[in-house]
mmCIF file of all heavy atoms, coordinates in Angstrom:
data_MODEL
# 
_entry.id   MODEL 
# 
loop_
_atom_site.group_PDB 
_atom_site.id 
_atom_site.type_symbol 
_atom_site.label_atom_id 
_atom_site.label_alt_id 
_atom_site.label_comp_id 
_atom_site.label_asym_id 
_atom_site.label_entity_id 
_atom_site.label_seq_id 
_atom_site.pdbx_PDB_ins_code 
_atom_site.Cartn_x 
_atom_site.Cartn_y 
_atom_site.Cartn_z 
_atom_site.occupancy 
_atom_site.B_iso_or_equiv 
_atom_site.pdbx_formal_charge 
_atom_site.auth_seq_id 
_atom_site.auth_comp_id 
_atom_site.auth_asym_id 
_atom_site.auth_atom_id 
_atom_site.pdbx_PDB_model_num 
ATOM 1   N N   . LEU A 1 1  ? -0.913  12.299  9.905   1.00 0.00 ? 1  LEU A N   1 
ATOM 2   C CA  . LEU A 1 1  ? -0.669  12.377  11.304  1.00 0.00 ? 1  LEU A CA  1 
ATOM 3   C C   . LEU A 1 1  ? -1.904  11.882  12.101  1.00 0.00 ? 1  LEU A C   1 
ATOM 4   O O   . LEU A 1 1  ? -2.988  12.400  11.863  1.00 0.00 ? 1  LEU A O   1 
ATOM 5   C CB  . LEU A 1 1  ? -0.326  13.822  11.720  1.00 0.00 ? 1  LEU A CB  1 
ATOM 6   C CG  . LEU A 1 1  ? -0.161  14.107  13.180  1.00 0.00 ? 1  LEU A CG  1 
ATOM 7   C CD1 . LEU A 1 1  ? 0.990   13.343  13.758  1.00 0.00 ? 1  LEU A CD1 1 
ATOM 8   C CD2 . LEU A 1 1  ? -0.011  15.659  13.425  1.00 0.00 ? 1  LEU A CD2 1 
ATOM 9   N N   . VAL A 1 2  ? -1.712  10.902  12.968  1.00 0.00 ? 2  VAL A N   1 
ATOM 10  C CA  . VAL A 1 2  ? -2.793  10.396  13.768  1.00 0.00 ? 2  VAL A CA  1 
ATOM 11  C C   . VAL A 1 2  ? -2.301  10.235  15.220  1.00 0.00 ? 2  VAL A C   1 
ATOM 12  O O   . VAL A 1 2  ? -1.092  10.109  15.453  1.00 0.00 ? 2  VAL A O   1 
ATOM 13  C CB  . VAL A 1 2  ? -3.291  9.044   13.228  1.00 0.00 ? 2  VAL A CB  1 
ATOM 14  C CG1 . VAL A 1 2  ? -3.888  9.206   11.846  1.00 0.00 ? 2  VAL A CG1 1 
ATOM 15  C CG2 . VAL A 1 2  ? -2.174  7.997   13.282  1.00 0.00 ? 2  VAL A CG2 1 
ATOM 16  N N   . GLN A 1 3  ? -3.262  10.180  16.093  1.00 0.00 ? 3  GLN A N   1 
ATOM 17  C CA  . GLN A 1 3  ? -2.964  9.946   17.503  1.00 0.00 ? 3  GLN A CA  1 
ATOM 18  C C   . GLN A 1 3  ? -2.807  8.440   17.748  1.00 0.00 ? 3  GLN A C   1 
ATOM 19  O O   . GLN A 1 3  ? -3.410  7.629   17.031  1.00 0.00 ? 3  GLN A O   1 
ATOM 20  C CB  . GLN A 1 3  ? -4.042  10.502  18.414  1.00 0.00 ? 3  GLN A CB  1 
ATOM 21  C CG  . GLN A 1 3  ? -4.193  12.010  18.330  1.00 0.00 ? 3  GLN A CG  1 
ATOM 22  C CD  . GLN A 1 3  ? -5.249  12.543  19.352  1.00 0.00 ? 3  GLN A CD  1 
ATOM 23  O OE1 . GLN A 1 3  ? -5.194  12.166  20.525  1.00 0.00 ? 3  GLN A OE1 1 
ATOM 24  N NE2 . GLN A 1 3  ? -6.138  13.308  18.825  1.00 0.00 ? 3  GLN A NE2 1 
ATOM 25  N N   . ALA A 1 4  ? -2.074  8.070   18.756  1.00 0.00 ? 4  ALA A N   1 
ATOM 26  C CA  . ALA A 1 4  ? -1.953  6.684   19.133  1.00 0.00 ? 4  ALA A CA  1 
ATOM 27  C C   . ALA A 1 4  ? -3.322  6.087   19.397  1.00 0.00 ? 4  ALA A C   1 
ATOM 28  O O   . ALA A 1 4  ? -4.166  6.708   20.019  1.00 0.00 ? 4  ALA A O   1 
ATOM 29  C CB  . ALA A 1 4  ? -1.072  6.542   20.370  1.00 0.00 ? 4  ALA A CB  1 
ATOM 30  N N   . GLY A 1 5  ? -3.554  4.878   18.883  1.00 0.00 ? 5  GLY A N   1 
ATOM 31  C CA  . GLY A 1 5  ? -4.825  4.207   19.042  1.00 0.00 ? 5  GLY A CA  1 
ATOM 32  C C   . GLY A 1 5  ? -5.749  4.475   17.836  1.00 0.00 ? 5  GLY A C   1 
ATOM 33  O O   . GLY A 1 5  ? -6.806  3.811   17.706  1.00 0.00 ? 5  GLY A O   1 
ATOM 34  N N   . GLY A 1 6  ? -5.392  5.394   16.990  1.00 0.00 ? 6  GLY A N   1 
ATOM 35  C CA  . GLY A 1 6  ? -6.195  5.725   15.815  1.00 0.00 ? 6  GLY A CA  1 
ATOM 36  C C   . GLY A 1 6  ? -5.921  4.787   14.685  1.00 0.00 ? 6  GLY A C   1 
ATOM 37  O O   . GLY A 1 6  ? -5.170  3.835   14.742  1.00 0.00 ? 6  GLY A O   1 
ATOM 38  N N   . SER A 1 7  ? -6.533  5.116   13.518  1.00 0.00 ? 7  SER A N   1 
ATOM 39  C CA  . SER A 1 7  ? -6.436  4.293   12.323  1.00 0.00 ? 7  SER A CA  1 
ATOM 40  C C   . SER A 1 7  ? -6.074  5.099   11.077  1.00 0.00 ? 7  SER A C   1 
ATOM 41  O O   . SER A 1 7  ? -6.454  6.288   11.007  1.00 0.00 ? 7  SER A O   1 
ATOM 42  C CB  . SER A 1 7  ? -7.759  3.529   12.086  1.00 0.00 ? 7  SER A CB  1 
ATOM 43  O OG  . SER A 1 7  ? -8.076  2.672   13.148  1.00 0.00 ? 7  SER A OG  1 
ATOM 44  N N   . LEU A 1 8  ? -5.493  4.461   10.122  1.00 0.00 ? 8  LEU A N   1 
ATOM 45  C CA  . LEU A 1 8  ? -5.238  5.023   8.824   1.00 0.00 ? 8  LEU A CA  1 
ATOM 46  C C   . LEU A 1 8  ? -5.344  3.922   7.801   1.00 0.00 ? 8  LEU A C   1 
ATOM 47  O O   . LEU A 1 8  ? -5.105  2.749   8.092   1.00 0.00 ? 8  LEU A O   1 
ATOM 48  C CB  . LEU A 1 8  ? -3.801  5.612   8.727   1.00 0.00 ? 8  LEU A CB  1 
ATOM 49  C CG  . LEU A 1 8  ? -3.558  7.029   9.260   1.00 0.00 ? 8  LEU A CG  1 
ATOM 50  C CD1 . LEU A 1 8  ? -2.110  7.346   9.097   1.00 0.00 ? 8  LEU A CD1 1 
ATOM 51  C CD2 . LEU A 1 8  ? -4.407  8.023   8.513   1.00 0.00 ? 8  LEU A CD2 1 
ATOM 52  N N   . ARG A 1 9  ? -5.679  4.297   6.561   1.00 0.00 ? 9  ARG A N   1 
ATOM 53  C CA  . ARG A 1 9  ? -5.742  3.342   5.479   1.00 0.00 ? 9  ARG A CA  1 
ATOM 54  C C   . ARG A 1 9  ? -4.876  3.880   4.340   1.00 0.00 ? 9  ARG A C   1 
ATOM 55  O O   . ARG A 1 9  ? -5.131  4.886   3.740   1.00 0.00 ? 9  ARG A O   1 
ATOM 56  C CB  . ARG A 1 9  ? -7.142  3.170   4.957   1.00 0.00 ? 9  ARG A CB  1 
ATOM 57  C CG  . ARG A 1 9  ? -7.316  2.042   3.947   1.00 0.00 ? 9  ARG A CG  1 
ATOM 58  C CD  . ARG A 1 9  ? -8.680  2.082   3.254   1.00 0.00 ? 9  ARG A CD  1 
ATOM 59  N NE  . ARG A 1 9  ? -8.919  0.935   2.501   1.00 0.00 ? 9  ARG A NE  1 
ATOM 60  C CZ  . ARG A 1 9  ? -9.883  0.864   1.547   1.00 0.00 ? 9  ARG A CZ  1 
ATOM 61  N NH1 . ARG A 1 9  ? -10.679 1.897   1.275   1.00 0.00 ? 9  ARG A NH1 1 
ATOM 62  N NH2 . ARG A 1 9  ? -10.071 -0.335  0.880   1.00 0.00 ? 9  ARG A NH2 1 
ATOM 63  N N   . LEU A 1 10 ? -3.800  3.120   4.064   1.00 0.00 ? 10 LEU A N   1 
ATOM 64  C CA  . LEU A 1 10 ? -2.932  3.476   2.978   1.00 0.00 ? 10 LEU A CA  1 
ATOM 65  C C   . LEU A 1 10 ? -3.359  2.801   1.645   1.00 0.00 ? 10 LEU A C   1 
ATOM 66  O O   . LEU A 1 10 ? -3.871  1.681   1.710   1.00 0.00 ? 10 LEU A O   1 
ATOM 67  C CB  . LEU A 1 10 ? -1.514  3.040   3.286   1.00 0.00 ? 10 LEU A CB  1 
ATOM 68  C CG  . LEU A 1 10 ? -0.864  3.546   4.597   1.00 0.00 ? 10 LEU A CG  1 
ATOM 69  C CD1 . LEU A 1 10 ? 0.569   3.087   4.706   1.00 0.00 ? 10 LEU A CD1 1 
ATOM 70  C CD2 . LEU A 1 10 ? -0.977  5.053   4.692   1.00 0.00 ? 10 LEU A CD2 1 
ATOM 71  N N   . SER A 1 11 ? -3.145  3.450   0.597   1.00 0.00 ? 11 SER A N   1 
ATOM 72  C CA  . SER A 1 11 ? -3.426  2.911   -0.718  1.00 0.00 ? 11 SER A CA  1 
ATOM 73  C C   . SER A 1 11 ? -2.217  2.953   -1.577  1.00 0.00 ? 11 SER A C   1 
ATOM 74  O O   . SER A 1 11 ? -1.369  3.815   -1.463  1.00 0.00 ? 11 SER A O   1 
ATOM 75  C CB  . SER A 1 11 ? -4.571  3.705   -1.407  1.00 0.00 ? 11 SER A CB  1 
ATOM 76  O OG  . SER A 1 11 ? -5.773  3.649   -0.682  1.00 0.00 ? 11 SER A OG  1 
ATOM 77  N N   . CYS A 1 12 ? -2.126  1.989   -2.515  1.00 0.00 ? 12 CYS A N   1 
ATOM 78  C CA  . CYS A 1 12 ? -0.997  1.954   -3.482  1.00 0.00 ? 12 CYS A CA  1 
ATOM 79  C C   . CYS A 1 12 ? -1.606  1.640   -4.843  1.00 0.00 ? 12 CYS A C   1 
ATOM 80  O O   . CYS A 1 12 ? -2.094  0.515   -5.076  1.00 0.00 ? 12 CYS A O   1 
ATOM 81  C CB  . CYS A 1 12 ? 0.005   0.878   -3.060  1.00 0.00 ? 12 CYS A CB  1 
ATOM 82  S SG  . CYS A 1 12 ? 1.294   0.601   -4.318  1.00 0.00 ? 12 CYS A SG  1 
ATOM 83  N N   . ALA A 1 13 ? -1.547  2.607   -5.692  1.00 0.00 ? 13 ALA A N   1 
ATOM 84  C CA  . ALA A 1 13 ? -2.074  2.509   -7.010  1.00 0.00 ? 13 ALA A CA  1 
ATOM 85  C C   . ALA A 1 13 ? -0.940  2.034   -7.980  1.00 0.00 ? 13 ALA A C   1 
ATOM 86  O O   . ALA A 1 13 ? 0.077   2.639   -8.077  1.00 0.00 ? 13 ALA A O   1 
ATOM 87  C CB  . ALA A 1 13 ? -2.699  3.780   -7.523  1.00 0.00 ? 13 ALA A CB  1 
ATOM 88  N N   . ALA A 1 14 ? -1.234  0.897   -8.678  1.00 0.00 ? 14 ALA A N   1 
ATOM 89  C CA  . ALA A 1 14 ? -0.232  0.391   -9.601  1.00 0.00 ? 14 ALA A CA  1 
ATOM 90  C C   . ALA A 1 14 ? -0.645  0.575   -11.043 1.00 0.00 ? 14 ALA A C   1 
ATOM 91  O O   . ALA A 1 14 ? -1.857  0.507   -11.404 1.00 0.00 ? 14 ALA A O   1 
ATOM 92  C CB  . ALA A 1 14 ? -0.030  -1.096  -9.328  1.00 0.00 ? 14 ALA A CB  1 
ATOM 93  N N   . SER A 1 15 ? 0.278   0.878   -11.898 1.00 0.00 ? 15 SER A N   1 
ATOM 94  C CA  . SER A 1 15 ? 0.006   0.975   -13.291 1.00 0.00 ? 15 SER A CA  1 
ATOM 95  C C   . SER A 1 15 ? 1.142   0.295   -14.102 1.00 0.00 ? 15 SER A C   1 
ATOM 96  O O   . SER A 1 15 ? 2.283   0.168   -13.631 1.00 0.00 ? 15 SER A O   1 
ATOM 97  C CB  . SER A 1 15 ? -0.090  2.479   -13.687 1.00 0.00 ? 15 SER A CB  1 
ATOM 98  O OG  . SER A 1 15 ? 1.140   3.163   -13.495 1.00 0.00 ? 15 SER A OG  1 
ATOM 99  N N   . GLY A 1 16 ? 0.817   -0.139  -15.296 1.00 0.00 ? 16 GLY A N   1 
ATOM 100 C CA  . GLY A 1 16 ? 1.786   -0.817  -16.101 1.00 0.00 ? 16 GLY A CA  1 
ATOM 101 C C   . GLY A 1 16 ? 1.384   -2.248  -16.397 1.00 0.00 ? 16 GLY A C   1 
ATOM 102 O O   . GLY A 1 16 ? 0.193   -2.580  -16.321 1.00 0.00 ? 16 GLY A O   1 
ATOM 103 N N   . ARG A 1 17 ? 2.307   -3.092  -16.660 1.00 0.00 ? 17 ARG A N   1 
ATOM 104 C CA  . ARG A 1 17 ? 2.026   -4.467  -17.024 1.00 0.00 ? 17 ARG A CA  1 
ATOM 105 C C   . ARG A 1 17 ? 1.652   -5.268  -15.773 1.00 0.00 ? 17 ARG A C   1 
ATOM 106 O O   . ARG A 1 17 ? 2.462   -5.430  -14.824 1.00 0.00 ? 17 ARG A O   1 
ATOM 107 C CB  . ARG A 1 17 ? 3.237   -5.105  -17.701 1.00 0.00 ? 17 ARG A CB  1 
ATOM 108 C CG  . ARG A 1 17 ? 3.568   -4.495  -19.057 1.00 0.00 ? 17 ARG A CG  1 
ATOM 109 C CD  . ARG A 1 17 ? 4.903   -4.985  -19.585 1.00 0.00 ? 17 ARG A CD  1 
ATOM 110 N NE  . ARG A 1 17 ? 6.001   -4.509  -18.770 1.00 0.00 ? 17 ARG A NE  1 
ATOM 111 C CZ  . ARG A 1 17 ? 7.266   -4.788  -19.046 1.00 0.00 ? 17 ARG A CZ  1 
ATOM 112 N NH1 . ARG A 1 17 ? 7.626   -5.588  -19.985 1.00 0.00 ? 17 ARG A NH1 1 
ATOM 113 N NH2 . ARG A 1 17 ? 8.178   -4.286  -18.234 1.00 0.00 ? 17 ARG A NH2 1 
ATOM 114 N N   . THR A 1 18 ? 0.410   -5.758  -15.770 1.00 0.00 ? 18 THR A N   1 
ATOM 115 C CA  . THR A 1 18 ? -0.083  -6.528  -14.601 1.00 0.00 ? 18 THR A CA  1 
ATOM 116 C C   . THR A 1 18 ? 0.800   -7.703  -14.208 1.00 0.00 ? 18 THR A C   1 
ATOM 117 O O   . THR A 1 18 ? 1.007   -8.025  -13.061 1.00 0.00 ? 18 THR A O   1 
ATOM 118 C CB  . THR A 1 18 ? -1.511  -6.972  -14.850 1.00 0.00 ? 18 THR A CB  1 
ATOM 119 O OG1 . THR A 1 18 ? -2.321  -5.839  -15.146 1.00 0.00 ? 18 THR A OG1 1 
ATOM 120 C CG2 . THR A 1 18 ? -2.096  -7.696  -13.632 1.00 0.00 ? 18 THR A CG2 1 
ATOM 121 N N   . PHE A 1 19 ? 1.263   -8.421  -15.232 1.00 0.00 ? 19 PHE A N   1 
ATOM 122 C CA  . PHE A 1 19 ? 2.078   -9.608  -14.956 1.00 0.00 ? 19 PHE A CA  1 
ATOM 123 C C   . PHE A 1 19 ? 3.413   -9.281  -14.335 1.00 0.00 ? 19 PHE A C   1 
ATOM 124 O O   . PHE A 1 19 ? 4.141   -10.216 -13.879 1.00 0.00 ? 19 PHE A O   1 
ATOM 125 C CB  . PHE A 1 19 ? 2.300   -10.385 -16.253 1.00 0.00 ? 19 PHE A CB  1 
ATOM 126 C CG  . PHE A 1 19 ? 2.997   -9.667  -17.362 1.00 0.00 ? 19 PHE A CG  1 
ATOM 127 C CD1 . PHE A 1 19 ? 4.406   -9.562  -17.366 1.00 0.00 ? 19 PHE A CD1 1 
ATOM 128 C CD2 . PHE A 1 19 ? 2.273   -9.009  -18.363 1.00 0.00 ? 19 PHE A CD2 1 
ATOM 129 C CE1 . PHE A 1 19 ? 5.042   -8.871  -18.383 1.00 0.00 ? 19 PHE A CE1 1 
ATOM 130 C CE2 . PHE A 1 19 ? 2.914   -8.325  -19.341 1.00 0.00 ? 19 PHE A CE2 1 
ATOM 131 C CZ  . PHE A 1 19 ? 4.303   -8.231  -19.365 1.00 0.00 ? 19 PHE A CZ  1 
ATOM 132 N N   . SER A 1 20 ? 3.774   -8.047  -14.254 1.00 0.00 ? 20 SER A N   1 
ATOM 133 C CA  . SER A 1 20 ? 5.086   -7.669  -13.747 1.00 0.00 ? 20 SER A CA  1 
ATOM 134 C C   . SER A 1 20 ? 5.038   -7.453  -12.171 1.00 0.00 ? 20 SER A C   1 
ATOM 135 O O   . SER A 1 20 ? 6.061   -7.208  -11.592 1.00 0.00 ? 20 SER A O   1 
ATOM 136 C CB  . SER A 1 20 ? 5.560   -6.368  -14.395 1.00 0.00 ? 20 SER A CB  1 
ATOM 137 O OG  . SER A 1 20 ? 5.788   -6.605  -15.782 1.00 0.00 ? 20 SER A OG  1 
ATOM 138 N N   . TYR A 1 21 ? 3.846   -7.515  -11.573 1.00 0.00 ? 21 TYR A N   1 
ATOM 139 C CA  . TYR A 1 21 ? 3.753   -7.275  -10.155 1.00 0.00 ? 21 TYR A CA  1 
ATOM 140 C C   . TYR A 1 21 ? 2.712   -8.224  -9.548  1.00 0.00 ? 21 TYR A C   1 
ATOM 141 O O   . TYR A 1 21 ? 1.634   -7.805  -9.092  1.00 0.00 ? 21 TYR A O   1 
ATOM 142 C CB  . TYR A 1 21 ? 3.409   -5.832  -9.803  1.00 0.00 ? 21 TYR A CB  1 
ATOM 143 C CG  . TYR A 1 21 ? 2.272   -5.182  -10.557 1.00 0.00 ? 21 TYR A CG  1 
ATOM 144 C CD1 . TYR A 1 21 ? 0.985   -5.143  -10.047 1.00 0.00 ? 21 TYR A CD1 1 
ATOM 145 C CD2 . TYR A 1 21 ? 2.466   -4.577  -11.813 1.00 0.00 ? 21 TYR A CD2 1 
ATOM 146 C CE1 . TYR A 1 21 ? -0.058  -4.624  -10.711 1.00 0.00 ? 21 TYR A CE1 1 
ATOM 147 C CE2 . TYR A 1 21 ? 1.406   -4.037  -12.485 1.00 0.00 ? 21 TYR A CE2 1 
ATOM 148 C CZ  . TYR A 1 21 ? 0.178   -4.048  -11.942 1.00 0.00 ? 21 TYR A CZ  1 
ATOM 149 O OH  . TYR A 1 21 ? -0.929  -3.421  -12.627 1.00 0.00 ? 21 TYR A OH  1 
ATOM 150 N N   . ALA A 1 22 ? 3.070   -9.491  -9.530  1.00 0.00 ? 22 ALA A N   1 
ATOM 151 C CA  . ALA A 1 22 ? 2.171   -10.542 -9.008  1.00 0.00 ? 22 ALA A CA  1 
ATOM 152 C C   . ALA A 1 22 ? 1.929   -10.330 -7.527  1.00 0.00 ? 22 ALA A C   1 
ATOM 153 O O   . ALA A 1 22 ? 0.788   -10.001 -7.111  1.00 0.00 ? 22 ALA A O   1 
ATOM 154 C CB  . ALA A 1 22 ? 2.742   -11.923 -9.285  1.00 0.00 ? 22 ALA A CB  1 
ATOM 155 N N   . ALA A 1 23 ? 2.930   -10.543 -6.711  1.00 0.00 ? 23 ALA A N   1 
ATOM 156 C CA  . ALA A 1 23 ? 2.801   -10.350 -5.233  1.00 0.00 ? 23 ALA A CA  1 
ATOM 157 C C   . ALA A 1 23 ? 3.101   -8.892  -4.913  1.00 0.00 ? 23 ALA A C   1 
ATOM 158 O O   . ALA A 1 23 ? 3.924   -8.262  -5.585  1.00 0.00 ? 23 ALA A O   1 
ATOM 159 C CB  . ALA A 1 23 ? 3.783   -11.289 -4.492  1.00 0.00 ? 23 ALA A CB  1 
ATOM 160 N N   . MET A 1 24 ? 2.430   -8.385  -3.927  1.00 0.00 ? 24 MET A N   1 
ATOM 161 C CA  . MET A 1 24 ? 2.660   -6.996  -3.541  1.00 0.00 ? 24 MET A CA  1 
ATOM 162 C C   . MET A 1 24 ? 2.854   -6.969  -1.987  1.00 0.00 ? 24 MET A C   1 
ATOM 163 O O   . MET A 1 24 ? 2.468   -7.869  -1.243  1.00 0.00 ? 24 MET A O   1 
ATOM 164 C CB  . MET A 1 24 ? 1.448   -6.152  -3.894  1.00 0.00 ? 24 MET A CB  1 
ATOM 165 C CG  . MET A 1 24 ? 1.192   -6.020  -5.421  1.00 0.00 ? 24 MET A CG  1 
ATOM 166 S SD  . MET A 1 24 ? -0.088  -4.834  -5.870  1.00 0.00 ? 24 MET A SD  1 
ATOM 167 C CE  . MET A 1 24 ? 0.773   -3.291  -5.589  1.00 0.00 ? 24 MET A CE  1 
ATOM 168 N N   . ALA A 1 25 ? 3.489   -5.918  -1.540  1.00 0.00 ? 25 ALA A N   1 
ATOM 169 C CA  . ALA A 1 25 ? 3.829   -5.826  -0.114  1.00 0.00 ? 25 ALA A CA  1 
ATOM 170 C C   . ALA A 1 25 ? 3.937   -4.405  0.360   1.00 0.00 ? 25 ALA A C   1 
ATOM 171 O O   . ALA A 1 25 ? 3.919   -3.474  -0.487  1.00 0.00 ? 25 ALA A O   1 
ATOM 172 C CB  . ALA A 1 25 ? 5.192   -6.554  0.130   1.00 0.00 ? 25 ALA A CB  1 
ATOM 173 N N   . TRP A 1 26 ? 4.019   -4.265  1.641   1.00 0.00 ? 26 TRP A N   1 
ATOM 174 C CA  . TRP A 1 26 ? 4.338   -2.997  2.298   1.00 0.00 ? 26 TRP A CA  1 
ATOM 175 C C   . TRP A 1 26 ? 5.564   -3.116  3.159   1.00 0.00 ? 26 TRP A C   1 
ATOM 176 O O   . TRP A 1 26 ? 5.681   -4.112  3.881   1.00 0.00 ? 26 TRP A O   1 
ATOM 177 C CB  . TRP A 1 26 ? 3.141   -2.543  3.164   1.00 0.00 ? 26 TRP A CB  1 
ATOM 178 C CG  . TRP A 1 26 ? 1.937   -2.036  2.415   1.00 0.00 ? 26 TRP A CG  1 
ATOM 179 C CD1 . TRP A 1 26 ? 0.843   -2.819  2.090   1.00 0.00 ? 26 TRP A CD1 1 
ATOM 180 C CD2 . TRP A 1 26 ? 1.677   -0.722  1.917   1.00 0.00 ? 26 TRP A CD2 1 
ATOM 181 N NE1 . TRP A 1 26 ? -0.056  -2.053  1.438   1.00 0.00 ? 26 TRP A NE1 1 
ATOM 182 C CE2 . TRP A 1 26 ? 0.439   -0.772  1.250   1.00 0.00 ? 26 TRP A CE2 1 
ATOM 183 C CE3 . TRP A 1 26 ? 2.441   0.436   1.919   1.00 0.00 ? 26 TRP A CE3 1 
ATOM 184 C CZ2 . TRP A 1 26 ? -0.093  0.329   0.638   1.00 0.00 ? 26 TRP A CZ2 1 
ATOM 185 C CZ3 . TRP A 1 26 ? 1.903   1.536   1.284   1.00 0.00 ? 26 TRP A CZ3 1 
ATOM 186 C CH2 . TRP A 1 26 ? 0.642   1.492   0.679   1.00 0.00 ? 26 TRP A CH2 1 
ATOM 187 N N   . PHE A 1 27 ? 6.411   -2.122  3.042   1.00 0.00 ? 27 PHE A N   1 
ATOM 188 C CA  . PHE A 1 27 ? 7.547   -2.017  3.918   1.00 0.00 ? 27 PHE A CA  1 
ATOM 189 C C   . PHE A 1 27 ? 7.539   -0.651  4.551   1.00 0.00 ? 27 PHE A C   1 
ATOM 190 O O   . PHE A 1 27 ? 6.816   0.232   4.099   1.00 0.00 ? 27 PHE A O   1 
ATOM 191 C CB  . PHE A 1 27 ? 8.860   -2.187  3.099   1.00 0.00 ? 27 PHE A CB  1 
ATOM 192 C CG  . PHE A 1 27 ? 9.080   -3.579  2.566   1.00 0.00 ? 27 PHE A CG  1 
ATOM 193 C CD1 . PHE A 1 27 ? 8.446   -3.989  1.443   1.00 0.00 ? 27 PHE A CD1 1 
ATOM 194 C CD2 . PHE A 1 27 ? 9.939   -4.448  3.243   1.00 0.00 ? 27 PHE A CD2 1 
ATOM 195 C CE1 . PHE A 1 27 ? 8.654   -5.313  0.938   1.00 0.00 ? 27 PHE A CE1 1 
ATOM 196 C CE2 . PHE A 1 27 ? 10.165  -5.740  2.728   1.00 0.00 ? 27 PHE A CE2 1 
ATOM 197 C CZ  . PHE A 1 27 ? 9.482   -6.153  1.565   1.00 0.00 ? 27 PHE A CZ  1 
ATOM 198 N N   . ARG A 1 28 ? 8.343   -0.476  5.594   1.00 0.00 ? 28 ARG A N   1 
ATOM 199 C CA  . ARG A 1 28 ? 8.480   0.885   6.196   1.00 0.00 ? 28 ARG A CA  1 
ATOM 200 C C   . ARG A 1 28 ? 9.853   1.114   6.707   1.00 0.00 ? 28 ARG A C   1 
ATOM 201 O O   . ARG A 1 28 ? 10.595  0.208   6.901   1.00 0.00 ? 28 ARG A O   1 
ATOM 202 C CB  . ARG A 1 28 ? 7.404   0.975   7.387   1.00 0.00 ? 28 ARG A CB  1 
ATOM 203 C CG  . ARG A 1 28 ? 7.741   0.094   8.588   1.00 0.00 ? 28 ARG A CG  1 
ATOM 204 C CD  . ARG A 1 28 ? 6.641   0.124   9.602   1.00 0.00 ? 28 ARG A CD  1 
ATOM 205 N NE  . ARG A 1 28 ? 6.920   -0.665  10.754  1.00 0.00 ? 28 ARG A NE  1 
ATOM 206 C CZ  . ARG A 1 28 ? 6.048   -0.848  11.758  1.00 0.00 ? 28 ARG A CZ  1 
ATOM 207 N NH1 . ARG A 1 28 ? 4.863   -0.273  11.728  1.00 0.00 ? 28 ARG A NH1 1 
ATOM 208 N NH2 . ARG A 1 28 ? 6.368   -1.653  12.794  1.00 0.00 ? 28 ARG A NH2 1 
# 
């Protein structure tokens, strides 16, 4: 939870076969 104008940093840790996830993205 943040106030308008604030900042957040999201992280996504991946595990498994590297060749299986070349491009990565964020959706909401």
